[in-house]
Amino acid sequence: MVSEPSALDIGTSALVFDRDAATLARSANVNPAEFTVEFREPVPLAGFGFQASAAAAPGHEWRVEAAAGTGDAFRVVVPARAWAGEAEDFAALKAPVRATRVRLVVKRLTGDGYVHVNEWRID
């Protein structure tokens, strides 16, 4: 299950998982934007990819947090990374982690407060 960020003015959170870099979800001037995925049981996570809209480049920073159980606090598994181009930025974890919840936090660093998220890959 994917939870919607607090407010989107373009697209839906499902579009960030459609493997189409031409589609996007854009926050309604909410910065940073957060997308959370919940799994029924713990799953192994080995890496994450992120891509924003080329029209909004450069100027996005992204990080990933994970929680082992439903009552557990989130912890950072991918520290903040700058995204400054059109290609996907991929972060492989040194060792897989098991989690029931994973959250993408994206902050727009330049321009307005509309956060563009085209793709989020969970491996």
PDB file of N, CA and C in Angstrom:
ATOM      1  N   MET A   1       0.840  -1.175   0.000  1.00  0.00           N
ATOM      2  CA  MET A   1       0.000   0.000   0.000  1.00  0.00           C
ATOM      3  C   MET A   1       0.889   1.243   0.000  1.00  0.00           C
ATOM      4  N   VAL A   2       0.542   2.216  -0.819  1.00  0.00           N
ATOM      5  CA  VAL A   2       1.270   3.474  -0.892  1.00  0.00           C
ATOM      6  C   VAL A   2       0.376   4.569  -0.344  1.00  0.00           C
ATOM      7  N   SER A   3       0.890   5.340   0.601  1.00  0.00           N
ATOM      8  CA  SER A   3       0.103   6.459   1.122  1.00  0.00           C
ATOM      9  C   SER A   3       0.401   7.706   0.303  1.00  0.00           C
ATOM     10  N   GLU A   4      -0.646   8.480   0.078  1.00  0.00           N
ATOM     11  CA  GLU A   4      -0.476   9.728  -0.672  1.00  0.00           C
ATOM     12  C   GLU A   4       0.222  10.756   0.217  1.00  0.00           C
ATOM     13  N   PRO A   5       1.068  11.576  -0.390  1.00  0.00           N
ATOM     14  CA  PRO A   5       1.623  12.701   0.377  1.00  0.00           C
ATOM     15  C   PRO A   5       0.473  13.600   0.839  1.00  0.00           C
ATOM     16  N   SER A   6       0.768  14.540   1.684  1.00  0.00           N
ATOM     17  CA  SER A   6      -0.287  15.376   2.244  1.00  0.00           C
ATOM     18  C   SER A   6      -1.111  16.070   1.171  1.00  0.00           C
ATOM     19  N   ALA A   7      -0.510  16.459   0.071  1.00  0.00           N
ATOM     20  CA  ALA A   7      -1.261  17.117  -1.001  1.00  0.00           C
ATOM     21  C   ALA A   7      -0.500  17.015  -2.318  1.00  0.00           C
ATOM     22  N   LEU A   8      -1.202  16.579  -3.349  1.00  0.00           N
ATOM     23  CA  LEU A   8      -0.648  16.556  -4.707  1.00  0.00           C
ATOM     24  C   LEU A   8      -1.533  17.422  -5.584  1.00  0.00           C
ATOM     25  N   ASP A   9      -0.923  18.174  -6.492  1.00  0.00           N
ATOM     26  CA  ASP A   9      -1.748  18.936  -7.432  1.00  0.00           C
ATOM     27  C   ASP A   9      -1.651  18.375  -8.844  1.00  0.00           C
ATOM     28  N   ILE A  10      -0.701  17.467  -9.078  1.00  0.00           N
ATOM     29  CA  ILE A  10      -0.591  16.776 -10.365  1.00  0.00           C
ATOM     30  C   ILE A  10      -0.286  15.312 -10.078  1.00  0.00           C
ATOM     31  N   GLY A  11      -1.028  14.417 -10.715  1.00  0.00           N
ATOM     32  CA  GLY A  11      -0.746  12.994 -10.632  1.00  0.00           C
ATOM     33  C   GLY A  11      -1.157  12.352  -9.319  1.00  0.00           C
ATOM     34  N   THR A  12      -0.748  11.081  -9.182  1.00  0.00           N
ATOM     35  CA  THR A  12      -0.999  10.297  -7.972  1.00  0.00           C
ATOM     36  C   THR A  12       0.289   9.593  -7.588  1.00  0.00           C
ATOM     37  N   SER A  13       0.337   9.071  -6.386  1.00  0.00           N
ATOM     38  CA  SER A  13       1.547   8.371  -5.958  1.00  0.00           C
ATOM     39  C   SER A  13       1.796   7.124  -6.807  1.00  0.00           C
ATOM     40  N   ALA A  14       0.754   6.529  -7.376  1.00  0.00           N
ATOM     41  CA  ALA A  14       0.942   5.351  -8.229  1.00  0.00           C
ATOM     42  C   ALA A  14       1.841   5.666  -9.425  1.00  0.00           C
ATOM     43  N   LEU A  15       1.841   6.906  -9.896  1.00  0.00           N
ATOM     44  CA  LEU A  15       2.650   7.280 -11.059  1.00  0.00           C
ATOM     45  C   LEU A  15       4.153   7.232 -10.777  1.00  0.00           C
ATOM     46  N   VAL A  16       4.558   7.305  -9.523  1.00  0.00           N
ATOM     47  CA  VAL A  16       5.990   7.243  -9.234  1.00  0.00           C
ATOM     48  C   VAL A  16       6.512   5.807  -9.314  1.00  0.00           C
ATOM     49  N   PHE A  17       5.607   4.846  -9.475  1.00  0.00           N
ATOM     50  CA  PHE A  17       6.005   3.434  -9.582  1.00  0.00           C
ATOM     51  C   PHE A  17       5.670   2.827 -10.942  1.00  0.00           C
ATOM     52  N   ASP A  18       5.294   3.644 -11.919  1.00  0.00           N
ATOM     53  CA  ASP A  18       4.838   3.104 -13.199  1.00  0.00           C
ATOM     54  C   ASP A  18       5.948   2.848 -14.215  1.00  0.00           C
ATOM     55  N   ARG A  19       7.190   3.095 -13.825  1.00  0.00           N
ATOM     56  CA  ARG A  19       8.366   2.883 -14.689  1.00  0.00           C
ATOM     57  C   ARG A  19       8.324   3.732 -15.964  1.00  0.00           C
ATOM     58  N   ASP A  20       7.660   4.864 -15.879  1.00  0.00           N
ATOM     59  CA  ASP A  20       7.572   5.804 -16.990  1.00  0.00           C
ATOM     60  C   ASP A  20       8.066   7.156 -16.494  1.00  0.00           C
ATOM     61  N   ALA A  21       9.264   7.540 -16.903  1.00  0.00           N
ATOM     62  CA  ALA A  21       9.870   8.787 -16.429  1.00  0.00           C
ATOM     63  C   ALA A  21       9.135  10.027 -16.936  1.00  0.00           C
ATOM     64  N   ALA A  22       8.188   9.850 -17.852  1.00  0.00           N
ATOM     65  CA  ALA A  22       7.435  10.985 -18.376  1.00  0.00           C
ATOM     66  C   ALA A  22       6.230  11.339 -17.502  1.00  0.00           C
ATOM     67  N   THR A  23       5.870  10.470 -16.562  1.00  0.00           N
ATOM     68  CA  THR A  23       4.751  10.761 -15.663  1.00  0.00           C
ATOM     69  C   THR A  23       5.300  11.210 -14.320  1.00  0.00           C
ATOM     70  N   LEU A  24       4.470  11.903 -13.546  1.00  0.00           N
ATOM     71  CA  LEU A  24       4.966  12.385 -12.255  1.00  0.00           C
ATOM     72  C   LEU A  24       3.841  12.629 -11.273  1.00  0.00           C
ATOM     73  N   ALA A  25       4.235  12.737 -10.033  1.00  0.00           N
ATOM     74  CA  ALA A  25       3.381  13.235  -8.969  1.00  0.00           C
ATOM     75  C   ALA A  25       4.055  14.510  -8.473  1.00  0.00           C
ATOM     76  N   ARG A  26       3.282  15.573  -8.309  1.00  0.00           N
ATOM     77  CA  ARG A  26       3.851  16.849  -7.863  1.00  0.00           C
ATOM     78  C   ARG A  26       3.110  17.326  -6.624  1.00  0.00           C
ATOM     79  N   SER A  27       3.889  17.691  -5.617  1.00  0.00           N
ATOM     80  CA  SER A  27       3.280  18.202  -4.391  1.00  0.00           C
ATOM     81  C   SER A  27       2.659  19.563  -4.641  1.00  0.00           C
ATOM     82  N   ALA A  28       1.592  19.840  -3.928  1.00  0.00           N
ATOM     83  CA  ALA A  28       0.888  21.119  -4.050  1.00  0.00           C
ATOM     84  C   ALA A  28       1.560  22.148  -3.150  1.00  0.00           C
ATOM     85  N   ASN A  29       2.784  22.513  -3.528  1.00  0.00           N
ATOM     86  CA  ASN A  29       3.578  23.486  -2.783  1.00  0.00           C
ATOM     87  C   ASN A  29       3.826  23.017  -1.350  1.00  0.00           C
ATOM     88  N   VAL A  30       4.070  21.701  -1.198  1.00  0.00           N
ATOM     89  CA  VAL A  30       4.433  21.096   0.083  1.00  0.00           C
ATOM     90  C   VAL A  30       5.876  20.611  -0.067  1.00  0.00           C
ATOM     91  N   ASN A  31       6.759  21.147   0.742  1.00  0.00           N
ATOM     92  CA  ASN A  31       8.179  20.857   0.594  1.00  0.00           C
ATOM     93  C   ASN A  31       8.796  20.690   1.984  1.00  0.00           C
ATOM     94  N   PRO A  32       9.285  19.492   2.315  1.00  0.00           N
ATOM     95  CA  PRO A  32       9.490  18.320   1.457  1.00  0.00           C
ATOM     96  C   PRO A  32       8.210  17.494   1.288  1.00  0.00           C
ATOM     97  N   ALA A  33       8.227  16.654   0.257  1.00  0.00           N
ATOM     98  CA  ALA A  33       7.137  15.714   0.010  1.00  0.00           C
ATOM     99  C   ALA A  33       7.576  14.338   0.505  1.00  0.00           C
ATOM    100  N   GLU A  34       6.622  13.574   1.005  1.00  0.00           N
ATOM    101  CA  GLU A  34       6.919  12.232   1.522  1.00  0.00           C
ATOM    102  C   GLU A  34       5.972  11.215   0.886  1.00  0.00           C
ATOM    103  N   PHE A  35       6.540  10.083   0.493  1.00  0.00           N
ATOM    104  CA  PHE A  35       5.773   8.952  -0.015  1.00  0.00           C
ATOM    105  C   PHE A  35       6.132   7.757   0.852  1.00  0.00           C
ATOM    106  N   THR A  36       5.124   7.068   1.381  1.00  0.00           N
ATOM    107  CA  THR A  36       5.361   5.926   2.260  1.00  0.00           C
ATOM    108  C   THR A  36       4.708   4.683   1.675  1.00  0.00           C
ATOM    109  N   VAL A  37       5.476   3.580   1.674  1.00  0.00           N
ATOM    110  CA  VAL A  37       4.969   2.286   1.219  1.00  0.00           C
ATOM    111  C   VAL A  37       4.947   1.356   2.416  1.00  0.00           C
ATOM    112  N   GLU A  38       3.834   0.639   2.577  1.00  0.00           N
ATOM    113  CA  GLU A  38       3.707  -0.329   3.667  1.00  0.00           C
ATOM    114  C   GLU A  38       3.535  -1.721   3.068  1.00  0.00           C
ATOM    115  N   PHE A  39       4.290  -2.686   3.585  1.00  0.00           N
ATOM    116  CA  PHE A  39       4.211  -4.076   3.150  1.00  0.00           C
ATOM    117  C   PHE A  39       3.494  -4.896   4.227  1.00  0.00           C
ATOM    118  N   ARG A  40       2.833  -5.954   3.819  1.00  0.00           N
ATOM    119  CA  ARG A  40       2.099  -6.810   4.770  1.00  0.00           C
ATOM    120  C   ARG A  40       3.046  -7.518   5.731  1.00  0.00           C
ATOM    121  N   GLU A  41       4.234  -7.832   5.252  1.00  0.00           N
ATOM    122  CA  GLU A  41       5.246  -8.500   6.075  1.00  0.00           C
ATOM    123  C   GLU A  41       6.604  -7.923   5.703  1.00  0.00           C
ATOM    124  N   PRO A  42       7.626  -8.107   6.541  1.00  0.00           N
ATOM    125  CA  PRO A  42       8.949  -7.550   6.225  1.00  0.00           C
ATOM    126  C   PRO A  42       9.483  -8.085   4.888  1.00  0.00           C
ATOM    127  N   VAL A  43      10.048  -7.175   4.101  1.00  0.00           N
ATOM    128  CA  VAL A  43      10.651  -7.537   2.813  1.00  0.00           C
ATOM    129  C   VAL A  43      12.102  -7.071   2.811  1.00  0.00           C
ATOM    130  N   PRO A  44      12.972  -7.791   2.093  1.00  0.00           N
ATOM    131  CA  PRO A  44      14.360  -7.342   1.986  1.00  0.00           C
ATOM    132  C   PRO A  44      14.467  -6.193   0.982  1.00  0.00           C
ATOM    133  N   LEU A  45      15.214  -5.179   1.343  1.00  0.00           N
ATOM    134  CA  LEU A  45      15.430  -4.012   0.493  1.00  0.00           C
ATOM    135  C   LEU A  45      16.925  -3.871   0.238  1.00  0.00           C
ATOM    136  N   ALA A  46      17.306  -3.786  -1.041  1.00  0.00           N
ATOM    137  CA  ALA A  46      18.725  -3.737  -1.394  1.00  0.00           C
ATOM    138  C   ALA A  46      19.168  -2.408  -1.988  1.00  0.00           C
ATOM    139  N   GLY A  47      18.220  -1.599  -2.464  1.00  0.00           N
ATOM    140  CA  GLY A  47      18.590  -0.324  -3.058  1.00  0.00           C
ATOM    141  C   GLY A  47      17.371   0.439  -3.525  1.00  0.00           C
ATOM    142  N   PHE A  48      17.605   1.704  -3.894  1.00  0.00           N
ATOM    143  CA  PHE A  48      16.521   2.592  -4.283  1.00  0.00           C
ATOM    144  C   PHE A  48      16.986   3.505  -5.403  1.00  0.00           C
ATOM    145  N   GLY A  49      16.080   3.799  -6.323  1.00  0.00           N
ATOM    146  CA  GLY A  49      16.359   4.749  -7.390  1.00  0.00           C
ATOM    147  C   GLY A  49      15.378   5.908  -7.319  1.00  0.00           C
ATOM    148  N   PHE A  50      15.817   7.077  -7.750  1.00  0.00           N
ATOM    149  CA  PHE A  50      14.977   8.273  -7.720  1.00  0.00           C
ATOM    150  C   PHE A  50      15.190   9.075  -8.989  1.00  0.00           C
ATOM    151  N   GLN A  51      14.095   9.620  -9.510  1.00  0.00           N
ATOM    152  CA  GLN A  51      14.183  10.514 -10.658  1.00  0.00           C
ATOM    153  C   GLN A  51      13.110  11.578 -10.532  1.00  0.00           C
ATOM    154  N   ALA A  52      13.498  12.818 -10.762  1.00  0.00           N
ATOM    155  CA  ALA A  52      12.561  13.943 -10.719  1.00  0.00           C
ATOM    156  C   ALA A  52      12.345  14.454 -12.138  1.00  0.00           C
ATOM    157  N   SER A  53      11.550  15.484 -12.256  1.00  0.00           N
ATOM    158  CA  SER A  53      11.261  16.078 -13.555  1.00  0.00           C
ATOM    159  C   SER A  53      12.453  16.883 -14.051  1.00  0.00           C
ATOM    160  N   ALA A  54      12.810  16.683 -15.313  1.00  0.00           N
ATOM    161  CA  ALA A  54      13.913  17.443 -15.892  1.00  0.00           C
ATOM    162  C   ALA A  54      13.619  18.939 -15.852  1.00  0.00           C
ATOM    163  N   ALA A  55      12.344  19.308 -15.910  1.00  0.00           N
ATOM    164  CA  ALA A  55      11.968  20.717 -15.863  1.00  0.00           C
ATOM    165  C   ALA A  55      12.289  21.340 -14.512  1.00  0.00           C
ATOM    166  N   ALA A  56      12.412  20.504 -13.485  1.00  0.00           N
ATOM    167  CA  ALA A  56      12.692  21.007 -12.140  1.00  0.00           C
ATOM    168  C   ALA A  56      14.153  20.827 -11.745  1.00  0.00           C
ATOM    169  N   ALA A  57      14.984  20.357 -12.667  1.00  0.00           N
ATOM    170  CA  ALA A  57      16.400  20.123 -12.356  1.00  0.00           C
ATOM    171  C   ALA A  57      17.189  21.402 -12.571  1.00  0.00           C
ATOM    172  N   PRO A  58      18.289  21.575 -11.880  1.00  0.00           N
ATOM    173  CA  PRO A  58      18.698  20.781 -10.725  1.00  0.00           C
ATOM    174  C   PRO A  58      17.955  21.253  -9.492  1.00  0.00           C
ATOM    175  N   GLY A  59      18.168  20.565  -8.419  1.00  0.00           N
ATOM    176  CA  GLY A  59      17.640  21.103  -7.188  1.00  0.00           C
ATOM    177  C   GLY A  59      16.715  20.247  -6.371  1.00  0.00           C
ATOM    178  N   HIS A  60      16.838  18.929  -6.432  1.00  0.00           N
ATOM    179  CA  HIS A  60      16.090  18.064  -5.540  1.00  0.00           C
ATOM    180  C   HIS A  60      17.069  17.268  -4.683  1.00  0.00           C
ATOM    181  N   GLU A  61      16.700  17.054  -3.461  1.00  0.00           N
ATOM    182  CA  GLU A  61      17.478  16.209  -2.543  1.00  0.00           C
ATOM    183  C   GLU A  61      16.535  15.117  -2.055  1.00  0.00           C
ATOM    184  N   TRP A  62      17.019  13.880  -2.041  1.00  0.00           N
ATOM    185  CA  TRP A  62      16.164  12.779  -1.623  1.00  0.00           C
ATOM    186  C   TRP A  62      16.865  11.883  -0.625  1.00  0.00           C
ATOM    187  N   ARG A  63      16.067  11.235   0.232  1.00  0.00           N
ATOM    188  CA  ARG A  63      16.590  10.254   1.172  1.00  0.00           C
ATOM    189  C   ARG A  63      15.513   9.184   1.364  1.00  0.00           C
ATOM    190  N   VAL A  64      15.939   8.041   1.893  1.00  0.00           N
ATOM    191  CA  VAL A  64      15.004   6.954   2.142  1.00  0.00           C
ATOM    192  C   VAL A  64      15.143   6.516   3.592  1.00  0.00           C
ATOM    193  N   GLU A  65      13.995   6.293   4.216  1.00  0.00           N
ATOM    194  CA  GLU A  65      13.941   5.815   5.590  1.00  0.00           C
ATOM    195  C   GLU A  65      13.152   4.512   5.605  1.00  0.00           C
ATOM    196  N   ALA A  66      13.477   3.632   6.542  1.00  0.00           N
ATOM    197  CA  ALA A  66      12.776   2.350   6.646  1.00  0.00           C
ATOM    198  C   ALA A  66      12.479   2.034   8.102  1.00  0.00           C
ATOM    199  N   ALA A  67      11.419   1.254   8.307  1.00  0.00           N
ATOM    200  CA  ALA A  67      11.043   0.792   9.654  1.00  0.00           C
ATOM    201  C   ALA A  67      10.841  -0.715   9.582  1.00  0.00           C
ATOM    202  N   ALA A  68      11.446  -1.426  10.511  1.00  0.00           N
ATOM    203  CA  ALA A  68      11.383  -2.890  10.506  1.00  0.00           C
ATOM    204  C   ALA A  68       9.972  -3.399  10.768  1.00  0.00           C
ATOM    205  N   GLY A  69       9.279  -2.804  11.719  1.00  0.00           N
ATOM    206  CA  GLY A  69       7.925  -3.236  12.079  1.00  0.00           C
ATOM    207  C   GLY A  69       6.959  -2.078  12.052  1.00  0.00           C
ATOM    208  N   THR A  70       5.678  -2.368  12.148  1.00  0.00           N
ATOM    209  CA  THR A  70       4.676  -1.304  12.065  1.00  0.00           C
ATOM    210  C   THR A  70       4.784  -0.300  13.206  1.00  0.00           C
ATOM    211  N   GLY A  71       5.232  -0.724  14.370  1.00  0.00           N
ATOM    212  CA  GLY A  71       5.369   0.190  15.491  1.00  0.00           C
ATOM    213  C   GLY A  71       6.756   0.778  15.643  1.00  0.00           C
ATOM    214  N   ASP A  72       7.683   0.366  14.794  1.00  0.00           N
ATOM    215  CA  ASP A  72       9.065   0.832  14.900  1.00  0.00           C
ATOM    216  C   ASP A  72       9.247   2.208  14.268  1.00  0.00           C
ATOM    217  N   ALA A  73      10.190   2.948  14.797  1.00  0.00           N
ATOM    218  CA  ALA A  73      10.524   4.256  14.244  1.00  0.00           C
ATOM    219  C   ALA A  73      11.276   4.087  12.924  1.00  0.00           C
ATOM    220  N   PHE A  74      11.123   5.075  12.038  1.00  0.00           N
ATOM    221  CA  PHE A  74      11.878   5.087  10.795  1.00  0.00           C
ATOM    222  C   PHE A  74      13.338   5.406  11.096  1.00  0.00           C
ATOM    223  N   ARG A  75      14.229   4.801  10.329  1.00  0.00           N
ATOM    224  CA  ARG A  75      15.656   5.152  10.387  1.00  0.00           C
ATOM    225  C   ARG A  75      16.153   5.358   8.970  1.00  0.00           C
ATOM    226  N   VAL A  76      17.099   6.237   8.810  1.00  0.00           N
ATOM    227  CA  VAL A  76      17.623   6.558   7.481  1.00  0.00           C
ATOM    228  C   VAL A  76      18.440   5.381   6.951  1.00  0.00           C
ATOM    229  N   VAL A  77      18.095   4.910   5.744  1.00  0.00           N
ATOM    230  CA  VAL A  77      18.870   3.842   5.095  1.00  0.00           C
ATOM    231  C   VAL A  77      19.607   4.368   3.871  1.00  0.00           C
ATOM    232  N   VAL A  78      19.129   5.466   3.304  1.00  0.00           N
ATOM    233  CA  VAL A  78      19.847   6.183   2.243  1.00  0.00           C
ATOM    234  C   VAL A  78      19.913   7.634   2.684  1.00  0.00           C
ATOM    235  N   PRO A  79      21.106   8.095   3.088  1.00  0.00           N
ATOM    236  CA  PRO A  79      21.241   9.499   3.503  1.00  0.00           C
ATOM    237  C   PRO A  79      20.922  10.441   2.336  1.00  0.00           C
ATOM    238  N   ALA A  80      20.656  11.684   2.654  1.00  0.00           N
ATOM    239  CA  ALA A  80      20.287  12.676   1.646  1.00  0.00           C
ATOM    240  C   ALA A  80      21.283  12.693   0.491  1.00  0.00           C
ATOM    241  N   ARG A  81      20.715  12.657  -0.714  1.00  0.00           N
ATOM    242  CA  ARG A  81      21.497  12.673  -1.953  1.00  0.00           C
ATOM    243  C   ARG A  81      20.947  13.769  -2.851  1.00  0.00           C
ATOM    244  N   ALA A  82      21.838  14.454  -3.543  1.00  0.00           N
ATOM    245  CA  ALA A  82      21.413  15.491  -4.487  1.00  0.00           C
ATOM    246  C   ALA A  82      21.069  14.854  -5.823  1.00  0.00           C
ATOM    247  N   TRP A  83      19.969  15.284  -6.402  1.00  0.00           N
ATOM    248  CA  TRP A  83      19.603  14.866  -7.758  1.00  0.00           C
ATOM    249  C   TRP A  83      19.677  16.101  -8.622  1.00  0.00           C
ATOM    250  N   ALA A  84      20.513  16.055  -9.661  1.00  0.00           N
ATOM    251  CA  ALA A  84      20.745  17.265 -10.438  1.00  0.00           C
ATOM    252  C   ALA A  84      20.619  17.057 -11.936  1.00  0.00           C
ATOM    253  N   GLY A  85      20.044  15.955 -12.362  1.00  0.00           N
ATOM    254  CA  GLY A  85      19.986  15.728 -13.800  1.00  0.00           C
ATOM    255  C   GLY A  85      18.787  14.919 -14.211  1.00  0.00           C
ATOM    256  N   GLU A  86      18.795  14.489 -15.471  1.00  0.00           N
ATOM    257  CA  GLU A  86      17.652  13.773 -16.019  1.00  0.00           C
ATOM    258  C   GLU A  86      17.671  12.284 -15.722  1.00  0.00           C
ATOM    259  N   ALA A  87      18.815  11.699 -15.457  1.00  0.00           N
ATOM    260  CA  ALA A  87      18.918  10.252 -15.249  1.00  0.00           C
ATOM    261  C   ALA A  87      18.539   9.861 -13.825  1.00  0.00           C
ATOM    262  N   GLU A  88      18.170   8.601 -13.680  1.00  0.00           N
ATOM    263  CA  GLU A  88      17.862   8.074 -12.349  1.00  0.00           C
ATOM    264  C   GLU A  88      19.125   8.058 -11.496  1.00  0.00           C
ATOM    265  N   ASP A  89      18.979   8.445 -10.249  1.00  0.00           N
ATOM    266  CA  ASP A  89      20.053   8.310  -9.266  1.00  0.00           C
ATOM    267  C   ASP A  89      19.731   7.060  -8.459  1.00  0.00           C
ATOM    268  N   PHE A  90      20.679   6.112  -8.411  1.00  0.00           N
ATOM    269  CA  PHE A  90      20.432   4.852  -7.706  1.00  0.00           C
ATOM    270  C   PHE A  90      21.393   4.722  -6.537  1.00  0.00           C
ATOM    271  N   ALA A  91      20.869   4.292  -5.405  1.00  0.00           N
ATOM    272  CA  ALA A  91      21.686   4.066  -4.205  1.00  0.00           C
ATOM    273  C   ALA A  91      21.525   2.608  -3.782  1.00  0.00           C
ATOM    274  N   ALA A  92      22.609   1.847  -3.886  1.00  0.00           N
ATOM    275  CA  ALA A  92      22.607   0.455  -3.422  1.00  0.00           C
ATOM    276  C   ALA A  92      22.991   0.444  -1.950  1.00  0.00           C
ATOM    277  N   LEU A  93      22.289  -0.349  -1.164  1.00  0.00           N
ATOM    278  CA  LEU A  93      22.631  -0.464   0.254  1.00  0.00           C
ATOM    279  C   LEU A  93      23.839  -1.383   0.408  1.00  0.00           C
ATOM    280  N   LYS A  94      24.675  -1.124   1.399  1.00  0.00           N
ATOM    281  CA  LYS A  94      25.845  -1.977   1.654  1.00  0.00           C
ATOM    282  C   LYS A  94      25.414  -3.381   2.022  1.00  0.00           C
ATOM    283  N   ALA A  95      24.314  -3.474   2.748  1.00  0.00           N
ATOM    284  CA  ALA A  95      23.727  -4.765   3.118  1.00  0.00           C
ATOM    285  C   ALA A  95      22.212  -4.592   3.092  1.00  0.00           C
ATOM    286  N   PRO A  96      21.476  -5.589   2.602  1.00  0.00           N
ATOM    287  CA  PRO A  96      20.018  -5.467   2.577  1.00  0.00           C
ATOM    288  C   PRO A  96      19.450  -5.260   3.982  1.00  0.00           C
ATOM    289  N   VAL A  97      18.339  -4.547   4.045  1.00  0.00           N
ATOM    290  CA  VAL A  97      17.607  -4.378   5.291  1.00  0.00           C
ATOM    291  C   VAL A  97      16.208  -4.950   5.084  1.00  0.00           C
ATOM    292  N   ARG A  98      15.594  -5.424   6.159  1.00  0.00           N
ATOM    293  CA  ARG A  98      14.219  -5.916   6.104  1.00  0.00           C
ATOM    294  C   ARG A  98      13.321  -4.847   6.720  1.00  0.00           C
ATOM    295  N   ALA A  99      12.225  -4.565   6.043  1.00  0.00           N
ATOM    296  CA  ALA A  99      11.344  -3.503   6.528  1.00  0.00           C
ATOM    297  C   ALA A  99       9.890  -3.795   6.156  1.00  0.00           C
ATOM    298  N   THR A 100       8.983  -3.292   6.976  1.00  0.00           N
ATOM    299  CA  THR A 100       7.556  -3.349   6.646  1.00  0.00           C
ATOM    300  C   THR A 100       7.080  -2.002   6.102  1.00  0.00           C
ATOM    301  N   ARG A 101       7.863  -0.949   6.366  1.00  0.00           N
ATOM    302  CA  ARG A 101       7.521   0.377   5.854  1.00  0.00           C
ATOM    303  C   ARG A 101       8.782   1.043   5.324  1.00  0.00           C
ATOM    304  N   VAL A 102       8.613   1.771   4.232  1.00  0.00           N
ATOM    305  CA  VAL A 102       9.725   2.516   3.651  1.00  0.00           C
ATOM    306  C   VAL A 102       9.176   3.862   3.175  1.00  0.00           C
ATOM    307  N   ARG A 103       9.980   4.908   3.389  1.00  0.00           N
ATOM    308  CA  ARG A 103       9.507   6.259   3.085  1.00  0.00           C
ATOM    309  C   ARG A 103      10.555   7.008   2.260  1.00  0.00           C
ATOM    310  N   LEU A 104      10.078   7.652   1.194  1.00  0.00           N
ATOM    311  CA  LEU A 104      10.901   8.546   0.386  1.00  0.00           C
ATOM    312  C   LEU A 104      10.595   9.965   0.826  1.00  0.00           C
ATOM    313  N   VAL A 105      11.640  10.736   1.119  1.00  0.00           N
ATOM    314  CA  VAL A 105      11.489  12.144   1.486  1.00  0.00           C
ATOM    315  C   VAL A 105      12.263  12.953   0.449  1.00  0.00           C
ATOM    316  N   VAL A 106      11.551  13.827  -0.250  1.00  0.00           N
ATOM    317  CA  VAL A 106      12.164  14.627  -1.321  1.00  0.00           C
ATOM    318  C   VAL A 106      11.962  16.098  -1.022  1.00  0.00           C
ATOM    319  N   LYS A 107      13.064  16.835  -1.100  1.00  0.00           N
ATOM    320  CA  LYS A 107      13.020  18.283  -0.857  1.00  0.00           C
ATOM    321  C   LYS A 107      13.480  19.008  -2.114  1.00  0.00           C
ATOM    322  N   ARG A 108      12.731  20.005  -2.513  1.00  0.00           N
ATOM    323  CA  ARG A 108      13.142  20.848  -3.629  1.00  0.00           C
ATOM    324  C   ARG A 108      14.020  21.956  -3.073  1.00  0.00           C
ATOM    325  N   LEU A 109      15.206  22.112  -3.654  1.00  0.00           N
ATOM    326  CA  LEU A 109      16.189  23.049  -3.121  1.00  0.00           C
ATOM    327  C   LEU A 109      16.214  24.388  -3.840  1.00  0.00           C
ATOM    328  N   THR A 110      15.688  24.444  -5.057  1.00  0.00           N
ATOM    329  CA  THR A 110      15.693  25.689  -5.827  1.00  0.00           C
ATOM    330  C   THR A 110      14.295  25.953  -6.361  1.00  0.00           C
ATOM    331  N   GLY A 111      14.034  27.174  -6.717  1.00  0.00           N
ATOM    332  CA  GLY A 111      12.746  27.516  -7.304  1.00  0.00           C
ATOM    333  C   GLY A 111      11.639  27.519  -6.278  1.00  0.00           C
ATOM    334  N   ASP A 112      10.478  27.053  -6.697  1.00  0.00           N
ATOM    335  CA  ASP A 112       9.306  27.070  -5.829  1.00  0.00           C
ATOM    336  C   ASP A 112       9.282  25.855  -4.905  1.00  0.00           C
ATOM    337  N   GLY A 113       8.183  25.641  -4.208  1.00  0.00           N
ATOM    338  CA  GLY A 113       8.066  24.534  -3.274  1.00  0.00           C
ATOM    339  C   GLY A 113       7.331  23.332  -3.839  1.00  0.00           C
ATOM    340  N   TYR A 114       7.143  23.300  -5.155  1.00  0.00           N
ATOM    341  CA  TYR A 114       6.466  22.166  -5.793  1.00  0.00           C
ATOM    342  C   TYR A 114       7.484  21.064  -6.053  1.00  0.00           C
ATOM    343  N   VAL A 115       7.340  19.952  -5.354  1.00  0.00           N
ATOM    344  CA  VAL A 115       8.295  18.844  -5.458  1.00  0.00           C
ATOM    345  C   VAL A 115       7.825  17.895  -6.559  1.00  0.00           C
ATOM    346  N   HIS A 116       8.701  17.643  -7.542  1.00  0.00           N
ATOM    347  CA  HIS A 116       8.395  16.765  -8.674  1.00  0.00           C
ATOM    348  C   HIS A 116       9.025  15.395  -8.438  1.00  0.00           C
ATOM    349  N   VAL A 117       8.231  14.346  -8.457  1.00  0.00           N
ATOM    350  CA  VAL A 117       8.750  12.981  -8.323  1.00  0.00           C
ATOM    351  C   VAL A 117       8.236  12.178  -9.521  1.00  0.00           C
ATOM    352  N   ASN A 118       9.168  11.794 -10.392  1.00  0.00           N
ATOM    353  CA  ASN A 118       8.785  11.002 -11.569  1.00  0.00           C
ATOM    354  C   ASN A 118       8.863   9.508 -11.294  1.00  0.00           C
ATOM    355  N   GLU A 119       9.904   9.079 -10.629  1.00  0.00           N
ATOM    356  CA  GLU A 119      10.074   7.649 -10.372  1.00  0.00           C
ATOM    357  C   GLU A 119      10.747   7.418  -9.029  1.00  0.00           C
ATOM    358  N   TRP A 120      10.288   6.371  -8.364  1.00  0.00           N
ATOM    359  CA  TRP A 120      10.948   5.864  -7.159  1.00  0.00           C
ATOM    360  C   TRP A 120      11.018   4.356  -7.312  1.00  0.00           C
ATOM    361  N   ARG A 121      12.199   3.850  -7.423  1.00  0.00           N
ATOM    362  CA  ARG A 121      12.401   2.410  -7.592  1.00  0.00           C
ATOM    363  C   ARG A 121      12.824   1.814  -6.275  1.00  0.00           C
ATOM    364  N   ILE A 122      12.171   0.703  -5.915  1.00  0.00           N
ATOM    365  CA  ILE A 122      12.505  -0.023  -4.687  1.00  0.00           C
ATOM    366  C   ILE A 122      12.990  -1.398  -5.103  1.00  0.00           C
ATOM    367  N   ASP A 123      14.241  -1.700  -4.809  1.00  0.00           N
ATOM    368  CA  ASP A 123      14.798  -3.030  -5.135  1.00  0.00           C
ATOM    369  C   ASP A 123      15.007  -3.833  -3.881  1.00  0.00           C
TER     370      ASP A 123
END
